[in-house]
Protein backbone atom coordinates (compact mmCIF):
# COMPACT_ATOMS: atom_id res chain seq x y z
CA MET A 1 0.15 -0.02 -0.10
CA VAL A 2 1.34 3.78 -0.60
CA ASP A 3 1.79 5.65 2.25
CA LEU A 4 1.03 9.44 0.93
CA ARG A 5 1.19 10.75 4.77
CA HIS A 6 4.36 11.62 5.06
CA LYS A 7 5.23 12.88 2.11
CA TYR A 8 2.40 15.13 1.49
CA SER A 9 0.99 16.01 4.96
CA PRO A 10 -0.19 19.34 5.27
CA SER A 11 2.94 19.85 7.52
CA THR A 12 5.58 19.57 4.73
CA LEU A 13 3.07 21.21 2.08
CA ARG A 14 3.80 25.03 0.99
CA THR A 15 1.06 26.70 -0.52
CA THR A 16 2.41 25.83 -4.03
CA MET A 17 4.23 22.83 -5.35
CA SER A 18 6.42 22.77 -8.08
CA THR A 19 5.47 20.92 -11.27
CA LYS A 20 7.88 18.16 -9.88
CA GLU A 21 6.05 17.13 -7.06
CA ILE A 22 2.07 17.84 -8.09
CA LYS A 23 3.70 14.73 -10.98
CA ASP A 24 4.89 12.85 -8.11
CA LEU A 25 1.84 13.32 -6.10
CA VAL A 26 -0.58 12.44 -9.21
CA GLU A 27 1.33 9.08 -9.49
CA ALA A 28 1.25 8.18 -6.23
CA ILE A 29 -2.36 8.62 -6.54
CA GLU A 30 -2.65 6.79 -9.07
CA LYS A 31 -0.54 4.21 -8.26
CA TYR A 32 -2.55 4.42 -5.07
CA SER A 33 -5.90 4.03 -6.93
CA LYS A 34 -4.59 1.43 -8.81
CA GLN A 35 -3.91 -1.04 -5.58
CA LEU A 36 -7.48 0.18 -4.00
CA SER A 37 -8.72 -1.06 -7.67
CA LYS A 38 -8.03 -4.66 -7.36
CA ASP A 39 -9.32 -5.34 -3.35
CA LYS A 40 -12.97 -4.94 -2.80
CA ARG A 41 -12.29 -4.59 0.74
CA ALA A 42 -9.79 -2.37 0.57
CA SER A 43 -11.64 0.08 -1.41
CA LYS A 44 -14.86 -0.05 0.47
CA ALA A 45 -13.09 0.48 3.58
CA PHE A 46 -11.02 4.02 2.05
CA LEU A 47 -15.00 5.21 1.19
CA VAL A 48 -15.91 4.63 4.95
CA LYS A 49 -13.04 6.00 5.75
CA ALA A 50 -13.28 9.22 3.77
CA GLY A 51 -17.07 9.37 4.76
CA ILE A 52 -18.32 8.85 1.48
CA ILE A 53 -20.35 5.52 2.10
CA THR A 54 -21.60 4.05 5.88
CA PRO A 55 -20.01 0.94 7.01
CA LYS A 56 -23.79 -1.03 5.27
CA GLY A 57 -22.24 0.41 1.99
CA ASN A 58 -25.30 3.39 1.66
CA LEU A 59 -24.07 6.70 0.47
CA ARG A 60 -23.85 9.60 2.98
CA ALA A 61 -26.13 12.43 2.72
CA PRO A 62 -24.07 14.50 0.93
CA TYR A 63 -24.07 12.12 -1.87
CA LYS A 64 -27.27 10.87 -1.88
CA HIS A 65 -28.45 12.87 -5.04
CA LEU A 66 -25.41 12.34 -7.12
CA CYS A 67 -25.84 10.62 -10.09
CA ILE A 68 -23.67 7.83 -9.82
CA PRO A 69 -24.22 4.90 -11.39
CA GLN A 70 -24.89 2.05 -8.74
CA GLY A 71 -23.89 -1.66 -9.78
């Protein structure tokens, strides 16, 4: 699993990022999303922790009325 907490924590980020830093962050996010897409349990845990879905898998109130395909 990719750990973004240390390298990209709020305490280490400046108000602007260099092009290389942005590229590195995008690559880390893409790598993490690929890992999550391979593991249904990890994907669900991520969405629960992010506050997007409940532990039962239902969308939280702010997301209920979005046009997101369910399936």
